[in-house]
Amino acid sequence: MSGITKGRIPSSPPTYVRTRRSKWLRVFTWLAGIGLLAVLVWCASLYYLITHFNGVPKSGNLKNSDVGIVLGATLWDNKPSPGLRERLDRGLELYRAGAFSHFIVTGGLDNNGATLTEAEGMRNYLLELGVPDEAVVMDRLSRSTYENLSFAKDIMDRNGWKTAVIITHNYHGSRSADIARRLGYSPVQVSVTDSKVLKMSYHETREVLAYTKWLVTKLFL
């Protein structure tokens, strides 16, 4: 047909172009596989540390200390949540056994409508169970495990206290011990409790992310 220009059929890319693309695709796939493997190994290593932590010292023989530091967790209706009560009950067990003579309870205000800080809710719980008021000191400002232990260390220094037992759950213990070492606790002692009320699969998985964040943060301290 006159007046009509036929379109040109595009030719295939030259062989060397296809070869180069294929090469880069293989390299990208290889690097992505190595990166994924590295992430899996990292997460598996941290998960092992988290789930196999049973306290420091490993023997479980704690040295008598000046204070027991109970790490905070959420309140429910201004009272310790079931998980937090497990930590407090572990602290009470040690206190009554003479492991330490004073409590430091840690934690600021939750973002869940609570009108008391975690520390205040914890203190009230201990007083109701017979711990004297003068034996409980509060850190009402901290918002993270690092701040829990940093502010508790400041309280210890102000009161002339030298030694502590840190009290928390198993899944939280390894990171807490590492933070305590970084802050200069000596000796580092962490007593942990199992949980019958927490969904451990959630908390252990979340702790992998929290532990990773801490290890990155530690590089800049």
C-alpha atoms as a PDB file:
ATOM      1  CA  MET A   1       0.000   0.000   0.000  1.00  0.00           C
ATOM      2  CA  SER A   2       1.376   3.338  -1.078  1.00  0.00           C
ATOM      3  CA  GLY A   3       1.955   6.113   1.468  1.00  0.00           C
ATOM      4  CA  ILE A   4       2.236   3.762   4.383  1.00  0.00           C
ATOM      5  CA  THR A   5       5.643   3.269   6.032  1.00  0.00           C
ATOM      6  CA  LYS A   6       6.160  -0.065   7.538  1.00  0.00           C
ATOM      7  CA  GLY A   7       7.547  -0.029  11.114  1.00  0.00           C
ATOM      8  CA  ARG A   8      10.890  -1.599  11.730  1.00  0.00           C
ATOM      9  CA  ILE A   9      10.917  -4.686  13.835  1.00  0.00           C
ATOM     10  CA  PRO A  10      13.355  -4.089  16.744  1.00  0.00           C
ATOM     11  CA  SER A  11      16.216  -6.444  16.664  1.00  0.00           C
ATOM     12  CA  SER A  12      17.236  -8.460  19.729  1.00  0.00           C
ATOM     13  CA  PRO A  13      19.988  -6.993  21.955  1.00  0.00           C
ATOM     14  CA  PRO A  14      23.432  -8.044  20.863  1.00  0.00           C
ATOM     15  CA  THR A  15      24.753 -11.227  22.413  1.00  0.00           C
ATOM     16  CA  TYR A  16      27.373  -9.380  24.499  1.00  0.00           C
ATOM     17  CA  VAL A  17      24.614  -7.185  26.041  1.00  0.00           C
ATOM     18  CA  ARG A  18      22.536 -10.230  26.984  1.00  0.00           C
ATOM     19  CA  THR A  19      25.606 -11.916  28.443  1.00  0.00           C
ATOM     20  CA  ARG A  20      26.468  -8.845  30.531  1.00  0.00           C
ATOM     21  CA  ARG A  21      22.908  -8.583  31.858  1.00  0.00           C
ATOM     22  CA  SER A  22      22.891 -12.250  32.757  1.00  0.00           C
ATOM     23  CA  LYS A  23      26.229 -11.860  34.532  1.00  0.00           C
ATOM     24  CA  TRP A  24      25.015  -8.930  36.660  1.00  0.00           C
ATOM     25  CA  LEU A  25      21.802 -10.776  37.469  1.00  0.00           C
ATOM     26  CA  ARG A  26      23.808 -13.739  38.753  1.00  0.00           C
ATOM     27  CA  VAL A  27      26.027 -11.437  40.821  1.00  0.00           C
ATOM     28  CA  PHE A  28      22.994  -9.654  42.313  1.00  0.00           C
ATOM     29  CA  THR A  29      21.301 -12.960  43.122  1.00  0.00           C
ATOM     30  CA  TRP A  30      24.502 -14.258  44.740  1.00  0.00           C
ATOM     31  CA  LEU A  31      24.935 -11.115  46.855  1.00  0.00           C
ATOM     32  CA  ALA A  32      21.295 -11.158  47.899  1.00  0.00           C
ATOM     33  CA  GLY A  33      21.640 -14.781  48.950  1.00  0.00           C
ATOM     34  CA  ILE A  34      24.783 -14.043  50.971  1.00  0.00           C
ATOM     35  CA  GLY A  35      23.058 -11.072  52.625  1.00  0.00           C
ATOM     36  CA  LEU A  36      20.006 -13.136  53.532  1.00  0.00           C
ATOM     37  CA  LEU A  37      22.197 -15.896  54.937  1.00  0.00           C
ATOM     38  CA  ALA A  38      24.126 -13.359  57.039  1.00  0.00           C
ATOM     39  CA  VAL A  39      20.884 -11.958  58.463  1.00  0.00           C
ATOM     40  CA  LEU A  40      19.628 -15.437  59.290  1.00  0.00           C
ATOM     41  CA  VAL A  41      22.894 -16.381  61.015  1.00  0.00           C
ATOM     42  CA  TRP A  42      22.870 -13.110  62.989  1.00  0.00           C
ATOM     43  CA  CYS A  43      19.281 -13.567  64.133  1.00  0.00           C
ATOM     44  CA  ALA A  44      19.826 -17.233  64.982  1.00  0.00           C
ATOM     45  CA  SER A  45      22.919 -16.377  67.051  1.00  0.00           C
ATOM     46  CA  LEU A  46      21.098 -13.709  69.030  1.00  0.00           C
ATOM     47  CA  TYR A  47      18.067 -15.941  69.470  1.00  0.00           C
ATOM     48  CA  TYR A  48      20.335 -18.616  70.938  1.00  0.00           C
ATOM     49  CA  LEU A  49      21.839 -16.117  73.411  1.00  0.00           C
ATOM     50  CA  ILE A  50      18.378 -14.902  74.388  1.00  0.00           C
ATOM     51  CA  THR A  51      16.763 -18.297  74.888  1.00  0.00           C
ATOM     52  CA  HIS A  52      19.715 -19.965  76.634  1.00  0.00           C
ATOM     53  CA  PHE A  53      20.412 -17.275  79.231  1.00  0.00           C
ATOM     54  CA  ASN A  54      19.889 -18.550  82.773  1.00  0.00           C
ATOM     55  CA  GLY A  55      21.450 -15.781  84.818  1.00  0.00           C
ATOM     56  CA  VAL A  56      24.847 -14.459  85.873  1.00  0.00           C
ATOM     57  CA  PRO A  57      26.751 -16.033  87.541  1.00  0.00           C
ATOM     58  CA  LYS A  58      25.938 -19.294  85.786  1.00  0.00           C
ATOM     59  CA  SER A  59      26.230 -21.168  89.061  1.00  0.00           C
ATOM     60  CA  GLY A  60      23.255 -19.196  90.369  1.00  0.00           C
ATOM     61  CA  ASN A  61      25.152 -18.386  93.564  1.00  0.00           C
ATOM     62  CA  LEU A  62      24.584 -14.665  93.938  1.00  0.00           C
ATOM     63  CA  LYS A  63      26.821 -12.590  96.177  1.00  0.00           C
ATOM     64  CA  ASN A  64      24.979 -10.629  98.831  1.00  0.00           C
ATOM     65  CA  SER A  65      24.479  -7.156  97.421  1.00  0.00           C
ATOM     66  CA  ASP A  66      23.404  -3.685  98.444  1.00  0.00           C
ATOM     67  CA  VAL A  67      20.403  -3.480  96.096  1.00  0.00           C
ATOM     68  CA  GLY A  68      18.100  -5.456  93.874  1.00  0.00           C
ATOM     69  CA  ILE A  69      17.194  -3.618  90.663  1.00  0.00           C
ATOM     70  CA  VAL A  70      13.843  -4.703  89.254  1.00  0.00           C
ATOM     71  CA  LEU A  71      13.592  -3.687  85.596  1.00  0.00           C
ATOM     72  CA  GLY A  72      10.288  -2.091  84.707  1.00  0.00           C
ATOM     73  CA  ALA A  73       7.448  -3.274  82.496  1.00  0.00           C
ATOM     74  CA  THR A  74       3.942  -2.086  81.808  1.00  0.00           C
ATOM     75  CA  LEU A  75       1.236  -1.347  84.362  1.00  0.00           C
ATOM     76  CA  TRP A  76      -2.413  -2.346  84.014  1.00  0.00           C
ATOM     77  CA  ASP A  77      -4.800   0.128  85.653  1.00  0.00           C
ATOM     78  CA  ASN A  78      -1.850   1.576  87.599  1.00  0.00           C
ATOM     79  CA  LYS A  79      -0.935  -1.841  88.978  1.00  0.00           C
ATOM     80  CA  PRO A  80       1.869  -4.138  87.841  1.00  0.00           C
ATOM     81  CA  SER A  81       0.861  -6.303  84.896  1.00  0.00           C
ATOM     82  CA  PRO A  82       1.065 -10.083  85.406  1.00  0.00           C
ATOM     83  CA  GLY A  83       4.470 -10.129  83.701  1.00  0.00           C
ATOM     84  CA  LEU A  84       5.818  -7.346  85.892  1.00  0.00           C
ATOM     85  CA  ARG A  85       4.508  -9.104  89.005  1.00  0.00           C
ATOM     86  CA  GLU A  86       6.647 -12.097  88.065  1.00  0.00           C
ATOM     87  CA  ARG A  87       9.745  -9.887  88.177  1.00  0.00           C
ATOM     88  CA  LEU A  88       8.679  -8.297  91.456  1.00  0.00           C
ATOM     89  CA  ASP A  89       7.906 -11.666  93.024  1.00  0.00           C
ATOM     90  CA  ARG A  90      11.364 -12.893  92.044  1.00  0.00           C
ATOM     91  CA  GLY A  91      12.816  -9.775  93.668  1.00  0.00           C
ATOM     92  CA  LEU A  92      10.793 -10.386  96.826  1.00  0.00           C
ATOM     93  CA  GLU A  93      12.033 -13.965  96.992  1.00  0.00           C
ATOM     94  CA  LEU A  94      15.648 -12.786  96.855  1.00  0.00           C
ATOM     95  CA  TYR A  95      15.038  -9.911  99.299  1.00  0.00           C
ATOM     96  CA  ARG A  96      13.465 -12.236 101.867  1.00  0.00           C
ATOM     97  CA  ALA A  97      16.375 -14.634 101.436  1.00  0.00           C
ATOM     98  CA  GLY A  98      18.787 -11.819 102.345  1.00  0.00           C
ATOM     99  CA  ALA A  99      20.337 -11.355  98.881  1.00  0.00           C
ATOM    100  CA  PHE A 100      20.053  -7.558  99.205  1.00  0.00           C
ATOM    101  CA  SER A 101      18.671  -4.956 101.605  1.00  0.00           C
ATOM    102  CA  HIS A 102      17.165  -2.342  99.269  1.00  0.00           C
ATOM    103  CA  PHE A 103      15.128  -2.271  96.064  1.00  0.00           C
ATOM    104  CA  ILE A 104      15.545   0.079  93.142  1.00  0.00           C
ATOM    105  CA  VAL A 105      12.421  -0.052  90.982  1.00  0.00           C
ATOM    106  CA  THR A 106      12.714   1.448  87.523  1.00  0.00           C
ATOM    107  CA  GLY A 107      10.436   2.827  84.845  1.00  0.00           C
ATOM    108  CA  GLY A 108       8.718   5.996  83.725  1.00  0.00           C
ATOM    109  CA  LEU A 109       5.174   6.742  82.618  1.00  0.00           C
ATOM    110  CA  ASP A 110       3.588   4.329  80.150  1.00  0.00           C
ATOM    111  CA  ASN A 111       1.756   5.558  77.073  1.00  0.00           C
ATOM    112  CA  ASN A 112      -1.289   3.449  77.904  1.00  0.00           C
ATOM    113  CA  GLY A 113      -3.289   5.860  80.017  1.00  0.00           C
ATOM    114  CA  ALA A 114      -1.541   5.072  83.302  1.00  0.00           C
ATOM    115  CA  THR A 115      -1.336   7.933  85.792  1.00  0.00           C
ATOM    116  CA  LEU A 116       1.444   6.319  87.823  1.00  0.00           C
ATOM    117  CA  THR A 117       4.934   5.603  86.604  1.00  0.00           C
ATOM    118  CA  GLU A 118       6.043   1.984  86.385  1.00  0.00           C
ATOM    119  CA  ALA A 119       8.320   2.630  89.368  1.00  0.00           C
ATOM    120  CA  GLU A 120       5.434   3.974  91.470  1.00  0.00           C
ATOM    121  CA  GLY A 121       3.232   1.003  90.637  1.00  0.00           C
ATOM    122  CA  MET A 122       6.077  -1.368  91.506  1.00  0.00           C
ATOM    123  CA  ARG A 123       6.795   0.425  94.785  1.00  0.00           C
ATOM    124  CA  ASN A 124       3.123   0.243  95.820  1.00  0.00           C
ATOM    125  CA  TYR A 125       3.086  -3.496  95.110  1.00  0.00           C
ATOM    126  CA  LEU A 126       6.151  -4.096  97.271  1.00  0.00           C
ATOM    127  CA  LEU A 127       4.832  -1.998 100.137  1.00  0.00           C
ATOM    128  CA  GLU A 128       1.535  -3.917 100.090  1.00  0.00           C
ATOM    129  CA  LEU A 129       3.537  -7.106 100.530  1.00  0.00           C
ATOM    130  CA  GLY A 130       5.389  -5.829 103.563  1.00  0.00           C
ATOM    131  CA  VAL A 131       8.574  -4.242 102.243  1.00  0.00           C
ATOM    132  CA  PRO A 132       9.389  -1.123 104.333  1.00  0.00           C
ATOM    133  CA  ASP A 133       9.041   2.222 102.588  1.00  0.00           C
ATOM    134  CA  GLU A 134      12.653   3.139 103.313  1.00  0.00           C
ATOM    135  CA  ALA A 135      13.838  -0.017 101.520  1.00  0.00           C
ATOM    136  CA  VAL A 136      12.418   1.021  98.117  1.00  0.00           C
ATOM    137  CA  VAL A 137      13.965   3.726  95.936  1.00  0.00           C
ATOM    138  CA  MET A 138      12.366   4.755  92.650  1.00  0.00           C
ATOM    139  CA  ASP A 139      13.688   5.730  89.248  1.00  0.00           C
ATOM    140  CA  ARG A 140      10.629   7.350  87.678  1.00  0.00           C
ATOM    141  CA  LEU A 141      12.247   8.714  84.513  1.00  0.00           C
ATOM    142  CA  SER A 142      13.716   5.824  82.522  1.00  0.00           C
ATOM    143  CA  ARG A 143      12.097   4.680  79.291  1.00  0.00           C
ATOM    144  CA  SER A 144      14.409   1.868  78.158  1.00  0.00           C
ATOM    145  CA  THR A 145      16.532  -0.929  79.585  1.00  0.00           C
ATOM    146  CA  TYR A 146      19.661   1.160  79.099  1.00  0.00           C
ATOM    147  CA  GLU A 147      18.101   4.062  81.020  1.00  0.00           C
ATOM    148  CA  ASN A 148      16.763   1.665  83.685  1.00  0.00           C
ATOM    149  CA  LEU A 149      20.284   0.524  84.468  1.00  0.00           C
ATOM    150  CA  SER A 150      21.996   3.861  83.900  1.00  0.00           C
ATOM    151  CA  PHE A 151      19.657   5.778  86.208  1.00  0.00           C
ATOM    152  CA  ALA A 152      19.759   2.954  88.775  1.00  0.00           C
ATOM    153  CA  LYS A 153      23.559   3.195  88.730  1.00  0.00           C
ATOM    154  CA  ASP A 154      23.276   6.930  89.458  1.00  0.00           C
ATOM    155  CA  ILE A 155      21.027   6.151  92.445  1.00  0.00           C
ATOM    156  CA  MET A 156      23.548   3.615  93.698  1.00  0.00           C
ATOM    157  CA  ASP A 157      26.393   6.111  93.424  1.00  0.00           C
ATOM    158  CA  ARG A 158      24.438   8.768  95.334  1.00  0.00           C
ATOM    159  CA  ASN A 159      23.689   6.337  98.152  1.00  0.00           C
ATOM    160  CA  GLY A 160      27.129   4.778  98.333  1.00  0.00           C
ATOM    161  CA  TRP A 161      25.837   1.389  97.179  1.00  0.00           C
ATOM    162  CA  LYS A 162      28.392  -0.684  95.291  1.00  0.00           C
ATOM    163  CA  THR A 163      26.785  -3.970  94.317  1.00  0.00           C
ATOM    164  CA  ALA A 164      23.493  -5.018  92.755  1.00  0.00           C
ATOM    165  CA  VAL A 165      21.405  -7.918  91.549  1.00  0.00           C
ATOM    166  CA  ILE A 166      19.447  -7.121  88.370  1.00  0.00           C
ATOM    167  CA  ILE A 167      16.068  -8.854  88.191  1.00  0.00           C
ATOM    168  CA  THR A 168      14.152  -9.520  84.987  1.00  0.00           C
ATOM    169  CA  HIS A 169      12.796 -12.307  82.733  1.00  0.00           C
ATOM    170  CA  ASN A 170      14.960 -14.941  81.028  1.00  0.00           C
ATOM    171  CA  TYR A 171      14.451 -13.535  77.530  1.00  0.00           C
ATOM    172  CA  HIS A 172      15.576 -10.084  78.717  1.00  0.00           C
ATOM    173  CA  GLY A 173      18.534 -11.204  80.788  1.00  0.00           C
ATOM    174  CA  SER A 174      21.366 -11.460  78.252  1.00  0.00           C
ATOM    175  CA  ARG A 175      20.918  -7.926  76.933  1.00  0.00           C
ATOM    176  CA  SER A 176      20.508  -6.585  80.472  1.00  0.00           C
ATOM    177  CA  ALA A 177      23.784  -8.225  81.497  1.00  0.00           C
ATOM    178  CA  ASP A 178      25.598  -6.760  78.495  1.00  0.00           C
ATOM    179  CA  ILE A 179      24.252  -3.273  79.248  1.00  0.00           C
ATOM    180  CA  ALA A 180      25.301  -3.632  82.887  1.00  0.00           C
ATOM    181  CA  ARG A 181      28.850  -4.518  81.812  1.00  0.00           C
ATOM    182  CA  ARG A 182      28.963  -1.481  79.563  1.00  0.00           C
ATOM    183  CA  LEU A 183      27.817   0.746  82.446  1.00  0.00           C
ATOM    184  CA  GLY A 184      30.485  -0.560  84.807  1.00  0.00           C
ATOM    185  CA  TYR A 185      28.487  -2.763  87.171  1.00  0.00           C
ATOM    186  CA  SER A 186      30.882  -4.992  89.073  1.00  0.00           C
ATOM    187  CA  PRO A 187      30.210  -7.771  89.567  1.00  0.00           C
ATOM    188  CA  VAL A 188      27.469  -8.175  86.967  1.00  0.00           C
ATOM    189  CA  GLN A 189      24.714 -10.245  88.555  1.00  0.00           C
ATOM    190  CA  VAL A 190      21.427 -10.953  86.801  1.00  0.00           C
ATOM    191  CA  SER A 191      18.730 -13.128  88.321  1.00  0.00           C
ATOM    192  CA  VAL A 192      15.997 -14.185  85.910  1.00  0.00           C
ATOM    193  CA  THR A 193      12.568 -15.718  86.157  1.00  0.00           C
ATOM    194  CA  ASP A 194      10.543 -17.826  83.752  1.00  0.00           C
ATOM    195  CA  SER A 195       7.149 -16.557  82.684  1.00  0.00           C
ATOM    196  CA  LYS A 196       3.838 -18.329  82.874  1.00  0.00           C
ATOM    197  CA  VAL A 197       1.862 -15.374  81.533  1.00  0.00           C
ATOM    198  CA  LEU A 198       3.868 -13.866  78.656  1.00  0.00           C
ATOM    199  CA  LYS A 199       3.718 -15.044  75.052  1.00  0.00           C
ATOM    200  CA  MET A 200       7.372 -15.992  74.809  1.00  0.00           C
ATOM    201  CA  SER A 201       7.494 -16.447  71.027  1.00  0.00           C
ATOM    202  CA  TYR A 202       6.558 -12.771  70.650  1.00  0.00           C
ATOM    203  CA  HIS A 203       8.914 -11.459  73.336  1.00  0.00           C
ATOM    204  CA  GLU A 204      11.878 -13.567  72.235  1.00  0.00           C
ATOM    205  CA  THR A 205      11.476 -12.521  68.603  1.00  0.00           C
ATOM    206  CA  ARG A 206      11.081  -8.869  69.582  1.00  0.00           C
ATOM    207  CA  GLU A 207      14.164  -9.165  71.780  1.00  0.00           C
ATOM    208  CA  VAL A 208      16.262 -10.101  68.723  1.00  0.00           C
ATOM    209  CA  LEU A 209      15.457  -6.674  67.274  1.00  0.00           C
ATOM    210  CA  ALA A 210      15.995  -4.912  70.615  1.00  0.00           C
ATOM    211  CA  TYR A 211      19.341  -6.677  71.096  1.00  0.00           C
ATOM    212  CA  THR A 212      20.446  -5.694  67.589  1.00  0.00           C
ATOM    213  CA  LYS A 213      19.510  -2.075  68.271  1.00  0.00           C
ATOM    214  CA  TRP A 214      21.486  -2.147  71.535  1.00  0.00           C
ATOM    215  CA  LEU A 215      24.614  -3.587  69.896  1.00  0.00           C
ATOM    216  CA  VAL A 216      24.517  -0.852  67.244  1.00  0.00           C
ATOM    217  CA  THR A 217      23.920   1.823  69.897  1.00  0.00           C
ATOM    218  CA  LYS A 218      26.847   0.489  71.958  1.00  0.00           C
ATOM    219  CA  LEU A 219      29.220   1.271  69.107  1.00  0.00           C
ATOM    220  CA  PHE A 220      28.564   4.990  69.582  1.00  0.00           C
ATOM    221  CA  LEU A 221      28.685   5.179  73.383  1.00  0.00           C
END
